Amino acid sequence: MRRSGGWATRLRTRWLELALLIGFVGLVVWLGLAVAPGVRSLLPTPAPTVLVAPTTSLSPIPVPTSTPTPAVSAGKFDGTSAFQYLQAQMAIGPRPTGSDAGRKTGDYIVAQLRKYDWQVEEQEFVYRGVPGRNIIAKAGDGPVALIGAHYDTRRLADNDPDPSLRNEPVPGANDGASGVAVLLELARVLDKGRLKYEVWLTFFDAEDNGRLDGWEFIAGSQEMAGRLTVRPEMVVIADMIGDRDQQLYKEQNSNPELVARIWDIAARLGYDEIFLPTAKWSMMDDHTPFLQKGIPAVDLIDFDYPYWHTTQDTADKVAPESLGRVGRVLQVLLEGE
C-alpha cells in the first residue's frame, strides 16, 4: 500500500507546481499588458511617411501685374498677347507728338524691342517746333522689308459727334495703338533665323495731327523717307487694323503686286472674308512717302471705323482676334510658311 500512497503524494505535488506555474505566467502577462502603454509612451514616436509629388508637377500661383508683359518667345503670332501691348499704351493715356505721354510711349516701345534683342535706332526730328522721334528696330539679313505703324495720337477729337467733346484728345486705341501692338508682338514672335528679309519694324511719330494748327499728316514717315540711305524692297503699314468689325479692303494707292501677295497669304490662312477682294479707300498714310520714291508699299487699313478721331476710340472697340489675323499674315510674309 505504500506504493500507492507515495504516487498520490507525488501527483499532488505535481499539480501544485503546475498551478503555481500557471499563476506565475498569468501574473507576468497581466503585468505586461498593464505596463506596456507606459513603456510605449517613453519610446520615440516614428515620423509619419510623407509622399512628395515630383517637383515637375508643382505649378506656382501666378502673380498678377497691372500691365502684363508677354514672355519672350519665338512662335506663332498671338492676338491676345498683342492686345496686352495695346492696353499698356492705353494706360499711358492720349499720346500726342511732343507730349510727356508721347515720349513715355516711345520709351516703352524701345524697352520692349531691346528686351526681344532687336537692334534699335532712334531718329529724332523737329516738326513745326515740336520734337518727334521715329523708332526703327532691325533684325535679319537680305533685302529690307519695312513694316510700319504710327504711335502718336491726335490732339483733338474734331470728328466727335458731340461738339462739346471736340477739344478733347483722341484715346487712340485703334488709330495708333493697334498697329503698334501688332509690331511689338511681331518683335516677340518672329524667328530671326527664318526671316527672308532684313526686317525694319518702324514706329512713326507725328502721323495724326494733320489739319490742326497748320500741321500736315504723316510728318514722321516723310522725315524717314527723306533720310533713307537704303532702299526697302517693300513697305507695309498697319493702321487702324484692330476694329472688332474688321473689314480690310484693298487700298487704292497701294502697290498691286504686293497687295496680291498679302491677300493670297490671307486667303491661304482662311481670312478671305476679312481681307476683301475689292478696293475701296484711297488714303494718304504712312505708305505715301515711300510710294512717292517708287518703293512698293501697301496700306493695311480698316477705314470703316465709326470712332475715327473721336473720344470713343477706346480699347473696347478693338478685338484681339483682329490683331491676330493681321499679325499672322505679316508673320508669314516675313518668315514664309
C-alpha atoms as a PDB file:
ATOM      1  CA  MET A   1       0.000   0.000   0.000  1.00  0.00           C
ATOM      2  CA  ARG A   2       2.933   2.388   0.497  1.00  0.00           C
ATOM      3  CA  ARG A   3       3.490   2.207  -3.061  1.00  0.00           C
ATOM      4  CA  SER A   4       0.056   3.550  -3.802  1.00  0.00           C
ATOM      5  CA  GLY A   5       0.317   6.233  -1.118  1.00  0.00           C
ATOM      6  CA  GLY A   6       3.700   7.620  -2.485  1.00  0.00           C
ATOM      7  CA  TRP A   7       2.296   8.042  -6.027  1.00  0.00           C
ATOM      8  CA  ALA A   8      -0.629  10.080  -4.749  1.00  0.00           C
ATOM      9  CA  THR A   9       1.702  12.367  -2.848  1.00  0.00           C
ATOM     10  CA  ARG A  10       3.799  12.929  -5.947  1.00  0.00           C
ATOM     11  CA  LEU A  11       0.699  13.608  -8.008  1.00  0.00           C
ATOM     12  CA  ARG A  12      -0.499  16.279  -5.589  1.00  0.00           C
ATOM     13  CA  THR A  13       2.963  17.864  -5.653  1.00  0.00           C
ATOM     14  CA  ARG A  14       2.946  17.971  -9.492  1.00  0.00           C
ATOM     15  CA  TRP A  15      -0.485  19.558  -9.563  1.00  0.00           C
ATOM     16  CA  LEU A  16       0.630  22.207  -7.054  1.00  0.00           C
ATOM     17  CA  GLU A  17       3.741  23.018  -9.130  1.00  0.00           C
ATOM     18  CA  LEU A  18       1.629  23.251 -12.264  1.00  0.00           C
ATOM     19  CA  ALA A  19      -0.855  25.591 -10.585  1.00  0.00           C
ATOM     20  CA  LEU A  20       1.937  27.816  -9.329  1.00  0.00           C
ATOM     21  CA  LEU A  21       3.478  27.924 -12.810  1.00  0.00           C
ATOM     22  CA  ILE A  22       0.180  28.844 -14.439  1.00  0.00           C
ATOM     23  CA  GLY A  23      -0.386  31.577 -11.834  1.00  0.00           C
ATOM     24  CA  PHE A  24       3.090  32.984 -12.399  1.00  0.00           C
ATOM     25  CA  VAL A  25       2.625  33.073 -16.181  1.00  0.00           C
ATOM     26  CA  GLY A  26      -0.770  34.790 -15.786  1.00  0.00           C
ATOM     27  CA  LEU A  27       0.766  37.382 -13.482  1.00  0.00           C
ATOM     28  CA  VAL A  28       3.538  38.124 -15.992  1.00  0.00           C
ATOM     29  CA  VAL A  29       1.024  38.515 -18.834  1.00  0.00           C
ATOM     30  CA  TRP A  30      -1.179  40.811 -16.750  1.00  0.00           C
ATOM     31  CA  LEU A  31       1.772  42.987 -15.730  1.00  0.00           C
ATOM     32  CA  GLY A  32       2.895  43.193 -19.376  1.00  0.00           C
ATOM     33  CA  LEU A  33      -0.488  44.414 -20.532  1.00  0.00           C
ATOM     34  CA  ALA A  34      -0.693  46.953 -17.732  1.00  0.00           C
ATOM     35  CA  VAL A  35       2.813  48.366 -18.133  1.00  0.00           C
ATOM     36  CA  ALA A  36       3.136  48.282 -21.950  1.00  0.00           C
ATOM     37  CA  PRO A  37       1.289  51.586 -22.684  1.00  0.00           C
ATOM     38  CA  GLY A  38       3.519  53.464 -20.311  1.00  0.00           C
ATOM     39  CA  VAL A  39       6.604  51.892 -21.830  1.00  0.00           C
ATOM     40  CA  ARG A  40       5.436  52.740 -25.342  1.00  0.00           C
ATOM     41  CA  SER A  41       4.915  56.376 -24.314  1.00  0.00           C
ATOM     42  CA  LEU A  42       8.601  56.539 -23.355  1.00  0.00           C
ATOM     43  CA  LEU A  43       9.787  55.295 -26.731  1.00  0.00           C
ATOM     44  CA  PRO A  44      10.429  57.786 -29.613  1.00  0.00           C
ATOM     45  CA  THR A  45       7.475  58.134 -31.974  1.00  0.00           C
ATOM     46  CA  PRO A  46       8.369  57.256 -35.576  1.00  0.00           C
ATOM     47  CA  ALA A  47       7.913  60.082 -38.064  1.00  0.00           C
ATOM     48  CA  PRO A  48       4.951  59.712 -40.409  1.00  0.00           C
ATOM     49  CA  THR A  49       5.651  58.821 -44.013  1.00  0.00           C
ATOM     50  CA  VAL A  50       5.112  61.781 -46.363  1.00  0.00           C
ATOM     51  CA  LEU A  51       4.515  61.175 -50.069  1.00  0.00           C
ATOM     52  CA  VAL A  52       6.085  64.021 -52.077  1.00  0.00           C
ATOM     53  CA  ALA A  53       4.917  64.556 -55.637  1.00  0.00           C
ATOM     54  CA  PRO A  54       7.618  65.070 -58.298  1.00  0.00           C
ATOM     55  CA  THR A  55       8.674  68.689 -58.493  1.00  0.00           C
ATOM     56  CA  THR A  56       7.687  68.889 -62.159  1.00  0.00           C
ATOM     57  CA  SER A  57       4.035  68.582 -61.199  1.00  0.00           C
ATOM     58  CA  LEU A  58       4.077  71.649 -58.970  1.00  0.00           C
ATOM     59  CA  SER A  59       2.623  74.813 -60.530  1.00  0.00           C
ATOM     60  CA  PRO A  60       3.397  78.172 -58.887  1.00  0.00           C
ATOM     61  CA  ILE A  61       0.488  80.530 -58.399  1.00  0.00           C
ATOM     62  CA  PRO A  62       0.770  83.300 -60.974  1.00  0.00           C
ATOM     63  CA  VAL A  63       1.278  86.777 -59.584  1.00  0.00           C
ATOM     64  CA  PRO A  64      -0.948  89.288 -61.416  1.00  0.00           C
ATOM     65  CA  THR A  65       0.577  92.536 -62.627  1.00  0.00           C
ATOM     66  CA  SER A  66      -1.099  95.773 -63.565  1.00  0.00           C
ATOM     67  CA  THR A  67       0.316  95.733 -67.118  1.00  0.00           C
ATOM     68  CA  PRO A  68       1.136  92.155 -68.165  1.00  0.00           C
ATOM     69  CA  THR A  69       4.112  91.742 -70.473  1.00  0.00           C
ATOM     70  CA  PRO A  70       4.158  88.760 -72.826  1.00  0.00           C
ATOM     71  CA  ALA A  71       7.004  86.302 -72.301  1.00  0.00           C
ATOM     72  CA  VAL A  72       9.923  86.283 -74.719  1.00  0.00           C
ATOM     73  CA  SER A  73       9.222  83.524 -77.206  1.00  0.00           C
ATOM     74  CA  ALA A  74       9.550  82.880 -80.935  1.00  0.00           C
ATOM     75  CA  GLY A  75       6.421  81.176 -82.220  1.00  0.00           C
ATOM     76  CA  LYS A  76       3.018  81.810 -83.705  1.00  0.00           C
ATOM     77  CA  PHE A  77       1.583  85.317 -83.543  1.00  0.00           C
ATOM     78  CA  ASP A  78      -0.830  85.664 -80.606  1.00  0.00           C
ATOM     79  CA  GLY A  79      -3.611  88.265 -80.818  1.00  0.00           C
ATOM     80  CA  THR A  80      -4.238  88.099 -77.076  1.00  0.00           C
ATOM     81  CA  SER A  81      -0.596  88.863 -76.403  1.00  0.00           C
ATOM     82  CA  ALA A  82      -0.723  91.741 -78.892  1.00  0.00           C
ATOM     83  CA  PHE A  83      -3.754  93.141 -77.085  1.00  0.00           C
ATOM     84  CA  GLN A  84      -1.656  93.435 -73.906  1.00  0.00           C
ATOM     85  CA  TYR A  85       0.648  95.853 -75.732  1.00  0.00           C
ATOM     86  CA  LEU A  86      -2.403  97.864 -76.730  1.00  0.00           C
ATOM     87  CA  GLN A  87      -3.582  98.003 -73.127  1.00  0.00           C
ATOM     88  CA  ALA A  88      -0.148  99.151 -71.979  1.00  0.00           C
ATOM     89  CA  GLN A  89      -0.289 102.082 -74.405  1.00  0.00           C
ATOM     90  CA  MET A  90      -3.824 102.979 -73.364  1.00  0.00           C
ATOM     91  CA  ALA A  91      -2.737 103.005 -69.716  1.00  0.00           C
ATOM     92  CA  ILE A  92      -0.359 105.849 -70.565  1.00  0.00           C
ATOM     93  CA  GLY A  93      -3.260 107.971 -71.872  1.00  0.00           C
ATOM     94  CA  PRO A  94      -3.531 110.081 -75.042  1.00  0.00           C
ATOM     95  CA  ARG A  95      -0.113 110.233 -76.738  1.00  0.00           C
ATOM     96  CA  PRO A  96       0.248 113.320 -78.989  1.00  0.00           C
ATOM     97  CA  THR A  97       3.591 114.148 -80.565  1.00  0.00           C
ATOM     98  CA  GLY A  98       5.760 116.231 -78.224  1.00  0.00           C
ATOM     99  CA  SER A  99       3.827 115.362 -75.060  1.00  0.00           C
ATOM    100  CA  ASP A 100       5.233 113.630 -71.987  1.00  0.00           C
ATOM    101  CA  ALA A 101       2.881 110.716 -72.701  1.00  0.00           C
ATOM    102  CA  GLY A 102       4.169 110.532 -76.276  1.00  0.00           C
ATOM    103  CA  ARG A 103       7.742 110.393 -75.027  1.00  0.00           C
ATOM    104  CA  LYS A 104       6.848 107.752 -72.458  1.00  0.00           C
ATOM    105  CA  THR A 105       5.193 105.657 -75.165  1.00  0.00           C
ATOM    106  CA  GLY A 106       8.322 105.825 -77.305  1.00  0.00           C
ATOM    107  CA  ASP A 107      10.438 104.771 -74.327  1.00  0.00           C
ATOM    108  CA  TYR A 108       8.079 101.838 -73.706  1.00  0.00           C
ATOM    109  CA  ILE A 109       8.397 100.720 -77.332  1.00  0.00           C
ATOM    110  CA  VAL A 110      12.202 100.936 -77.210  1.00  0.00           C
ATOM    111  CA  ALA A 111      12.328  98.908 -73.989  1.00  0.00           C
ATOM    112  CA  GLN A 112      10.188  96.129 -75.463  1.00  0.00           C
ATOM    113  CA  LEU A 113      12.253  95.951 -78.641  1.00  0.00           C
ATOM    114  CA  ARG A 114      15.521  95.737 -76.740  1.00  0.00           C
ATOM    115  CA  LYS A 115      14.092  93.061 -74.496  1.00  0.00           C
ATOM    116  CA  TYR A 116      13.461  90.978 -77.613  1.00  0.00           C
ATOM    117  CA  ASP A 117      17.041  91.562 -78.877  1.00  0.00           C
ATOM    118  CA  TRP A 118      16.320  93.843 -81.819  1.00  0.00           C
ATOM    119  CA  GLN A 119      18.835  96.452 -82.914  1.00  0.00           C
ATOM    120  CA  VAL A 120      17.116  99.763 -82.138  1.00  0.00           C
ATOM    121  CA  GLU A 121      17.712 103.133 -83.779  1.00  0.00           C
ATOM    122  CA  GLU A 122      16.009 106.341 -82.709  1.00  0.00           C
ATOM    123  CA  GLN A 123      15.512 109.061 -85.329  1.00  0.00           C
ATOM    124  CA  GLU A 124      14.932 112.378 -83.593  1.00  0.00           C
ATOM    125  CA  PHE A 125      13.460 115.291 -85.537  1.00  0.00           C
ATOM    126  CA  VAL A 126      11.596 118.569 -85.014  1.00  0.00           C
ATOM    127  CA  TYR A 127       8.391 119.426 -86.856  1.00  0.00           C
ATOM    128  CA  ARG A 128       6.953 122.929 -86.540  1.00  0.00           C
ATOM    129  CA  GLY A 129       8.928 123.458 -83.358  1.00  0.00           C
ATOM    130  CA  VAL A 130       7.727 120.188 -81.744  1.00  0.00           C
ATOM    131  CA  PRO A 131      10.157 117.324 -81.075  1.00  0.00           C
ATOM    132  CA  GLY A 132       9.342 113.957 -82.621  1.00  0.00           C
ATOM    133  CA  ARG A 133      11.010 110.573 -82.730  1.00  0.00           C
ATOM    134  CA  ASN A 134      10.807 107.673 -85.175  1.00  0.00           C
ATOM    135  CA  ILE A 135      11.919 104.294 -83.830  1.00  0.00           C
ATOM    136  CA  ILE A 136      13.385 101.577 -86.085  1.00  0.00           C
ATOM    137  CA  ALA A 137      14.114  98.018 -84.908  1.00  0.00           C
ATOM    138  CA  LYS A 138      16.213  95.830 -87.220  1.00  0.00           C
ATOM    139  CA  ALA A 139      16.862  92.088 -87.492  1.00  0.00           C
ATOM    140  CA  GLY A 140      17.641  89.546 -90.189  1.00  0.00           C
ATOM    141  CA  ASP A 141      19.561  89.643 -93.475  1.00  0.00           C
ATOM    142  CA  GLY A 142      18.631  90.253 -97.073  1.00  0.00           C
ATOM    143  CA  PRO A 143      16.537  92.890 -98.834  1.00  0.00           C
ATOM    144  CA  VAL A 144      14.845  95.344 -96.480  1.00  0.00           C
ATOM    145  CA  ALA A 145      11.181  94.859 -95.575  1.00  0.00           C
ATOM    146  CA  LEU A 146       9.812  97.833 -93.636  1.00  0.00           C
ATOM    147  CA  ILE A 147       6.730  97.103 -91.505  1.00  0.00           C
ATOM    148  CA  GLY A 148       5.375 100.323 -90.032  1.00  0.00           C
ATOM    149  CA  ALA A 149       2.767 101.849 -87.714  1.00  0.00           C
ATOM    150  CA  HIS A 150       2.346 105.236 -86.039  1.00  0.00           C
ATOM    151  CA  TYR A 151       2.346 105.522 -82.264  1.00  0.00           C
ATOM    152  CA  ASP A 152       1.192 109.122 -81.805  1.00  0.00           C
ATOM    153  CA  THR A 153      -2.464 110.047 -81.234  1.00  0.00           C
ATOM    154  CA  ARG A 154      -4.485 113.031 -82.427  1.00  0.00           C
ATOM    155  CA  ARG A 155      -4.534 116.062 -80.138  1.00  0.00           C
ATOM    156  CA  LEU A 156      -8.192 116.900 -80.742  1.00  0.00           C
ATOM    157  CA  ALA A 157     -11.240 114.681 -81.341  1.00  0.00           C
ATOM    158  CA  ASP A 158     -12.511 117.005 -84.096  1.00  0.00           C
ATOM    159  CA  ASN A 159     -14.674 114.267 -85.644  1.00  0.00           C
ATOM    160  CA  ASP A 160     -16.608 113.564 -82.452  1.00  0.00           C
ATOM    161  CA  PRO A 161     -20.403 113.629 -82.939  1.00  0.00           C
ATOM    162  CA  ASP A 162     -20.686 115.634 -79.718  1.00  0.00           C
ATOM    163  CA  PRO A 163     -19.375 119.153 -80.390  1.00  0.00           C
ATOM    164  CA  SER A 164     -18.642 119.647 -76.695  1.00  0.00           C
ATOM    165  CA  LEU A 165     -16.017 116.873 -76.873  1.00  0.00           C
ATOM    166  CA  ARG A 166     -14.135 118.084 -79.917  1.00  0.00           C
ATOM    167  CA  ASN A 167     -11.452 119.794 -77.849  1.00  0.00           C
ATOM    168  CA  GLU A 168     -10.707 116.551 -76.017  1.00  0.00           C
ATOM    169  CA  PRO A 169      -7.796 114.315 -77.113  1.00  0.00           C
ATOM    170  CA  VAL A 170      -8.347 111.067 -79.008  1.00  0.00           C
ATOM    171  CA  PRO A 171      -7.584 107.960 -76.876  1.00  0.00           C
ATOM    172  CA  GLY A 172      -6.186 106.198 -79.964  1.00  0.00           C
ATOM    173  CA  ALA A 173      -6.885 102.523 -79.291  1.00  0.00           C
ATOM    174  CA  ASN A 174      -7.441 101.577 -82.924  1.00  0.00           C
ATOM    175  CA  ASP A 175      -5.941 104.667 -84.535  1.00  0.00           C
ATOM    176  CA  GLY A 176      -2.422 104.306 -83.161  1.00  0.00           C
ATOM    177  CA  ALA A 177      -2.189 101.563 -80.531  1.00  0.00           C
ATOM    178  CA  SER A 178      -3.476  98.697 -82.699  1.00  0.00           C
ATOM    179  CA  GLY A 179      -0.690  98.918 -85.286  1.00  0.00           C
ATOM    180  CA  VAL A 180       1.963  99.326 -82.595  1.00  0.00           C
ATOM    181  CA  ALA A 181       0.585  96.290 -80.772  1.00  0.00           C
ATOM    182  CA  VAL A 182       0.919  94.162 -83.910  1.00  0.00           C
ATOM    183  CA  LEU A 183       4.511  95.278 -84.466  1.00  0.00           C
ATOM    184  CA  LEU A 184       5.535  94.636 -80.854  1.00  0.00           C
ATOM    185  CA  GLU A 185       4.051  91.153 -80.977  1.00  0.00           C
ATOM    186  CA  LEU A 186       5.960  90.558 -84.230  1.00  0.00           C
ATOM    187  CA  ALA A 187       9.122  91.638 -82.400  1.00  0.00           C
ATOM    188  CA  ARG A 188       8.399  88.979 -79.784  1.00  0.00           C
ATOM    189  CA  VAL A 189       7.485  86.046 -82.020  1.00  0.00           C
ATOM    190  CA  LEU A 190       9.435  86.415 -85.255  1.00  0.00           C
ATOM    191  CA  ASP A 191      12.090  83.731 -85.637  1.00  0.00           C
ATOM    192  CA  LYS A 192      15.138  85.762 -86.652  1.00  0.00           C
ATOM    193  CA  GLY A 193      16.736  82.667 -88.140  1.00  0.00           C
ATOM    194  CA  ARG A 194      13.830  82.201 -90.558  1.00  0.00           C
ATOM    195  CA  LEU A 195      13.459  85.771 -91.766  1.00  0.00           C
ATOM    196  CA  LYS A 196      13.623  86.155 -95.538  1.00  0.00           C
ATOM    197  CA  TYR A 197      14.437  89.864 -95.218  1.00  0.00           C
ATOM    198  CA  GLU A 198      16.250  92.376 -93.133  1.00  0.00           C
ATOM    199  CA  VAL A 199      13.137  93.444 -91.253  1.00  0.00           C
ATOM    200  CA  TRP A 200      12.697  97.028 -90.085  1.00  0.00           C
ATOM    201  CA  LEU A 201       9.879  97.328 -87.545  1.00  0.00           C
ATOM    202  CA  THR A 202       9.245 101.063 -87.739  1.00  0.00           C
ATOM    203  CA  PHE A 203       7.218 103.204 -85.333  1.00  0.00           C
ATOM    204  CA  PHE A 204       6.355 106.614 -86.756  1.00  0.00           C
ATOM    205  CA  ASP A 205       5.715 109.729 -84.726  1.00  0.00           C
ATOM    206  CA  ALA A 206       3.767 112.816 -85.893  1.00  0.00           C
ATOM    207  CA  GLU A 207       1.341 111.000 -88.185  1.00  0.00           C
ATOM    208  CA  ASP A 208      -2.045 112.056 -86.865  1.00  0.00           C
ATOM    209  CA  ASN A 209      -2.244 115.838 -86.344  1.00  0.00           C
ATOM    210  CA  GLY A 210      -2.978 116.894 -89.907  1.00  0.00           C
ATOM    211  CA  ARG A 211      -5.216 119.953 -90.366  1.00  0.00           C
ATOM    212  CA  LEU A 212      -4.590 121.074 -86.773  1.00  0.00           C
ATOM    213  CA  ASP A 213      -2.708 124.373 -86.363  1.00  0.00           C
ATOM    214  CA  GLY A 214      -1.196 124.102 -89.827  1.00  0.00           C
ATOM    215  CA  TRP A 215       0.162 120.585 -89.354  1.00  0.00           C
ATOM    216  CA  GLU A 216       0.297 118.037 -92.145  1.00  0.00           C
ATOM    217  CA  PHE A 217      -0.421 114.346 -91.751  1.00  0.00           C
ATOM    218  CA  ILE A 218       2.394 111.737 -91.952  1.00  0.00           C
ATOM    219  CA  ALA A 219       5.218 114.096 -90.907  1.00  0.00           C
ATOM    220  CA  GLY A 220       7.211 111.294 -89.269  1.00  0.00           C
ATOM    221  CA  SER A 221       7.172 108.940 -92.257  1.00  0.00           C
ATOM    222  CA  GLN A 222       8.047 111.837 -94.580  1.00  0.00           C
ATOM    223  CA  GLU A 223      11.036 112.538 -92.355  1.00  0.00           C
ATOM    224  CA  MET A 224      12.206 108.940 -92.508  1.00  0.00           C
ATOM    225  CA  ALA A 225      11.666 108.547 -96.257  1.00  0.00           C
ATOM    226  CA  GLY A 226      13.728 111.690 -96.813  1.00  0.00           C
ATOM    227  CA  ARG A 227      16.637 110.243 -94.810  1.00  0.00           C
ATOM    228  CA  LEU A 228      16.756 106.802 -96.449  1.00  0.00           C
ATOM    229  CA  THR A 229      20.186 105.567 -97.476  1.00  0.00           C
ATOM    230  CA  VAL A 230      18.953 102.034 -98.186  1.00  0.00           C
ATOM    231  CA  ARG A 231      16.013 101.350-100.496  1.00  0.00           C
ATOM    232  CA  PRO A 232      13.499  98.914 -98.951  1.00  0.00           C
ATOM    233  CA  GLU A 233      12.173  96.182-101.205  1.00  0.00           C
ATOM    234  CA  MET A 234       8.745  96.686 -99.702  1.00  0.00           C
ATOM    235  CA  VAL A 235       6.853  98.751 -97.136  1.00  0.00           C
ATOM    236  CA  VAL A 236       3.709  97.560 -95.340  1.00  0.00           C
ATOM    237  CA  ILE A 237       1.820  99.895 -92.992  1.00  0.00           C
ATOM    238  CA  ALA A 238      -0.606  98.600 -90.340  1.00  0.00           C
ATOM    239  CA  ASP A 239      -3.014 101.392 -89.398  1.00  0.00           C
ATOM    240  CA  MET A 240      -6.416 101.086 -87.712  1.00  0.00           C
ATOM    241  CA  ILE A 241      -6.440  97.305 -88.104  1.00  0.00           C
ATOM    242  CA  GLY A 242      -7.956  96.274 -84.757  1.00  0.00           C
ATOM    243  CA  ASP A 243     -11.666  97.028 -85.292  1.00  0.00           C
ATOM    244  CA  ARG A 244     -13.987  94.379 -83.851  1.00  0.00           C
ATOM    245  CA  ASP A 245     -15.966  94.581 -87.090  1.00  0.00           C
ATOM    246  CA  GLN A 246     -12.842  94.078 -89.166  1.00  0.00           C
ATOM    247  CA  GLN A 247     -13.088  94.671 -92.928  1.00  0.00           C
ATOM    248  CA  LEU A 248      -9.849  95.125 -94.835  1.00  0.00           C
ATOM    249  CA  TYR A 249     -10.431  96.392 -98.360  1.00  0.00           C
ATOM    250  CA  LYS A 250      -7.578  96.900-100.806  1.00  0.00           C
ATOM    251  CA  GLU A 251      -6.361 100.469-100.536  1.00  0.00           C
ATOM    252  CA  GLN A 252      -6.378 102.047-103.980  1.00  0.00           C
ATOM    253  CA  ASN A 253      -2.924 103.684-103.920  1.00  0.00           C
ATOM    254  CA  SER A 254      -1.115 100.559-102.722  1.00  0.00           C
ATOM    255  CA  ASN A 255       1.232  98.557-104.964  1.00  0.00           C
ATOM    256  CA  PRO A 256      -0.978  95.949-106.735  1.00  0.00           C
ATOM    257  CA  GLU A 257       1.635  93.174-106.822  1.00  0.00           C
ATOM    258  CA  LEU A 258       2.402  93.477-103.125  1.00  0.00           C
ATOM    259  CA  VAL A 259      -1.317  93.669-102.342  1.00  0.00           C
ATOM    260  CA  ALA A 260      -1.821  90.424-104.276  1.00  0.00           C
ATOM    261  CA  ARG A 261       0.917  88.671-102.271  1.00  0.00           C
ATOM    262  CA  ILE A 262      -0.573  89.742 -98.953  1.00  0.00           C
ATOM    263  CA  TRP A 263      -4.150  88.895 -99.924  1.00  0.00           C
ATOM    264  CA  ASP A 264      -3.000  85.481-101.177  1.00  0.00           C
ATOM    265  CA  ILE A 265      -1.403  84.731 -97.799  1.00  0.00           C
ATOM    266  CA  ALA A 266      -4.589  85.844 -96.041  1.00  0.00           C
ATOM    267  CA  ALA A 267      -6.694  83.542 -98.226  1.00  0.00           C
ATOM    268  CA  ARG A 268      -4.418  80.559 -97.501  1.00  0.00           C
ATOM    269  CA  LEU A 269      -4.777  81.280 -93.787  1.00  0.00           C
ATOM    270  CA  GLY A 270      -8.581  81.317 -94.111  1.00  0.00           C
ATOM    271  CA  TYR A 271      -9.045  85.072 -93.764  1.00  0.00           C
ATOM    272  CA  ASP A 272     -10.615  85.722 -97.170  1.00  0.00           C
ATOM    273  CA  GLU A 273     -13.816  87.014 -95.549  1.00  0.00           C
ATOM    274  CA  ILE A 274     -11.771  89.719 -93.767  1.00  0.00           C
ATOM    275  CA  PHE A 275      -9.233  90.591 -96.478  1.00  0.00           C
ATOM    276  CA  LEU A 276     -11.850  91.556 -99.026  1.00  0.00           C
ATOM    277  CA  PRO A 277     -11.155  91.280-102.772  1.00  0.00           C
ATOM    278  CA  THR A 278     -12.292  94.775-103.760  1.00  0.00           C
ATOM    279  CA  ALA A 279     -10.644  98.188-103.495  1.00  0.00           C
ATOM    280  CA  LYS A 280     -12.445 100.895-101.577  1.00  0.00           C
ATOM    281  CA  TRP A 281     -10.432 103.683 -99.975  1.00  0.00           C
ATOM    282  CA  SER A 282      -7.728 105.956-101.352  1.00  0.00           C
ATOM    283  CA  MET A 283      -5.577 107.012 -98.422  1.00  0.00           C
ATOM    284  CA  MET A 284      -2.733 109.387 -97.709  1.00  0.00           C
ATOM    285  CA  ASP A 285      -0.999 107.421 -94.985  1.00  0.00           C
ATOM    286  CA  ASP A 286       2.493 106.436 -93.875  1.00  0.00           C
ATOM    287  CA  HIS A 287       2.968 104.379 -97.056  1.00  0.00           C
ATOM    288  CA  THR A 288       2.616 107.510 -99.225  1.00  0.00           C
ATOM    289  CA  PRO A 289       6.158 108.958 -98.874  1.00  0.00           C
ATOM    290  CA  PHE A 290       7.631 105.601 -99.903  1.00  0.00           C
ATOM    291  CA  LEU A 291       5.301 105.242-102.884  1.00  0.00           C
ATOM    292  CA  GLN A 292       6.454 108.692-103.976  1.00  0.00           C
ATOM    293  CA  LYS A 293      10.006 107.325-104.075  1.00  0.00           C
ATOM    294  CA  GLY A 294       8.940 104.378-106.229  1.00  0.00           C
ATOM    295  CA  ILE A 295       9.116 101.829-103.397  1.00  0.00           C
ATOM    296  CA  PRO A 296       6.378  99.153-103.430  1.00  0.00           C
ATOM    297  CA  ALA A 297       4.162  99.945-100.450  1.00  0.00           C
ATOM    298  CA  VAL A 298       0.819  98.805 -99.052  1.00  0.00           C
ATOM    299  CA  ASP A 299      -1.514 100.380 -96.531  1.00  0.00           C
ATOM    300  CA  LEU A 300      -3.426  97.825 -94.434  1.00  0.00           C
ATOM    301  CA  ILE A 301      -6.274  99.911 -93.040  1.00  0.00           C
ATOM    302  CA  ASP A 302      -9.885  99.394 -91.993  1.00  0.00           C
ATOM    303  CA  PHE A 303     -11.269 102.856 -92.575  1.00  0.00           C
ATOM    304  CA  ASP A 304     -14.875 101.769 -91.995  1.00  0.00           C
ATOM    305  CA  TYR A 305     -14.437 102.715 -88.355  1.00  0.00           C
ATOM    306  CA  PRO A 306     -17.115 104.977 -86.879  1.00  0.00           C
ATOM    307  CA  TYR A 307     -14.929 106.072 -83.935  1.00  0.00           C
ATOM    308  CA  TRP A 308     -12.124 107.609 -86.051  1.00  0.00           C
ATOM    309  CA  HIS A 309     -10.874 110.849 -84.457  1.00  0.00           C
ATOM    310  CA  THR A 310     -13.470 110.718 -81.673  1.00  0.00           C
ATOM    311  CA  THR A 311     -13.281 110.287 -77.914  1.00  0.00           C
ATOM    312  CA  GLN A 312     -14.817 106.820 -78.386  1.00  0.00           C
ATOM    313  CA  ASP A 313     -11.695 105.282 -79.952  1.00  0.00           C
ATOM    314  CA  THR A 314     -11.163 103.109 -76.880  1.00  0.00           C
ATOM    315  CA  ALA A 315      -9.850  99.614 -76.173  1.00  0.00           C
ATOM    316  CA  ASP A 316     -13.300  98.011 -76.085  1.00  0.00           C
ATOM    317  CA  LYS A 317     -13.624  98.766 -79.818  1.00  0.00           C
ATOM    318  CA  VAL A 318     -10.618  96.548 -80.580  1.00  0.00           C
ATOM    319  CA  ALA A 319     -10.610  92.740 -80.761  1.00  0.00           C
ATOM    320  CA  PRO A 320      -7.563  90.524 -80.111  1.00  0.00           C
ATOM    321  CA  GLU A 321      -8.746  88.316 -82.985  1.00  0.00           C
ATOM    322  CA  SER A 322      -8.468  91.245 -85.392  1.00  0.00           C
ATOM    323  CA  LEU A 323      -4.916  91.939 -84.261  1.00  0.00           C
ATOM    324  CA  GLY A 324      -4.150  88.247 -84.581  1.00  0.00           C
ATOM    325  CA  ARG A 325      -5.259  87.971 -88.200  1.00  0.00           C
ATOM    326  CA  VAL A 326      -3.179  90.911 -89.401  1.00  0.00           C
ATOM    327  CA  GLY A 327      -0.174  89.841 -87.365  1.00  0.00           C
ATOM    328  CA  ARG A 328      -0.283  86.284 -88.605  1.00  0.00           C
ATOM    329  CA  VAL A 329      -0.406  87.422 -92.256  1.00  0.00           C
ATOM    330  CA  LEU A 330       2.609  89.677 -91.705  1.00  0.00           C
ATOM    331  CA  GLN A 331       4.495  86.894 -89.931  1.00  0.00           C
ATOM    332  CA  VAL A 332       4.009  84.560 -92.890  1.00  0.00           C
ATOM    333  CA  LEU A 333       5.021  87.337 -95.291  1.00  0.00           C
ATOM    334  CA  LEU A 334       8.325  87.785 -93.414  1.00  0.00           C
ATOM    335  CA  GLU A 335       9.129  84.191 -92.452  1.00  0.00           C
ATOM    336  CA  GLY A 336       7.367  82.098 -95.075  1.00  0.00           C
ATOM    337  CA  GLU A 337       5.060  79.206 -94.252  1.00  0.00           C
END
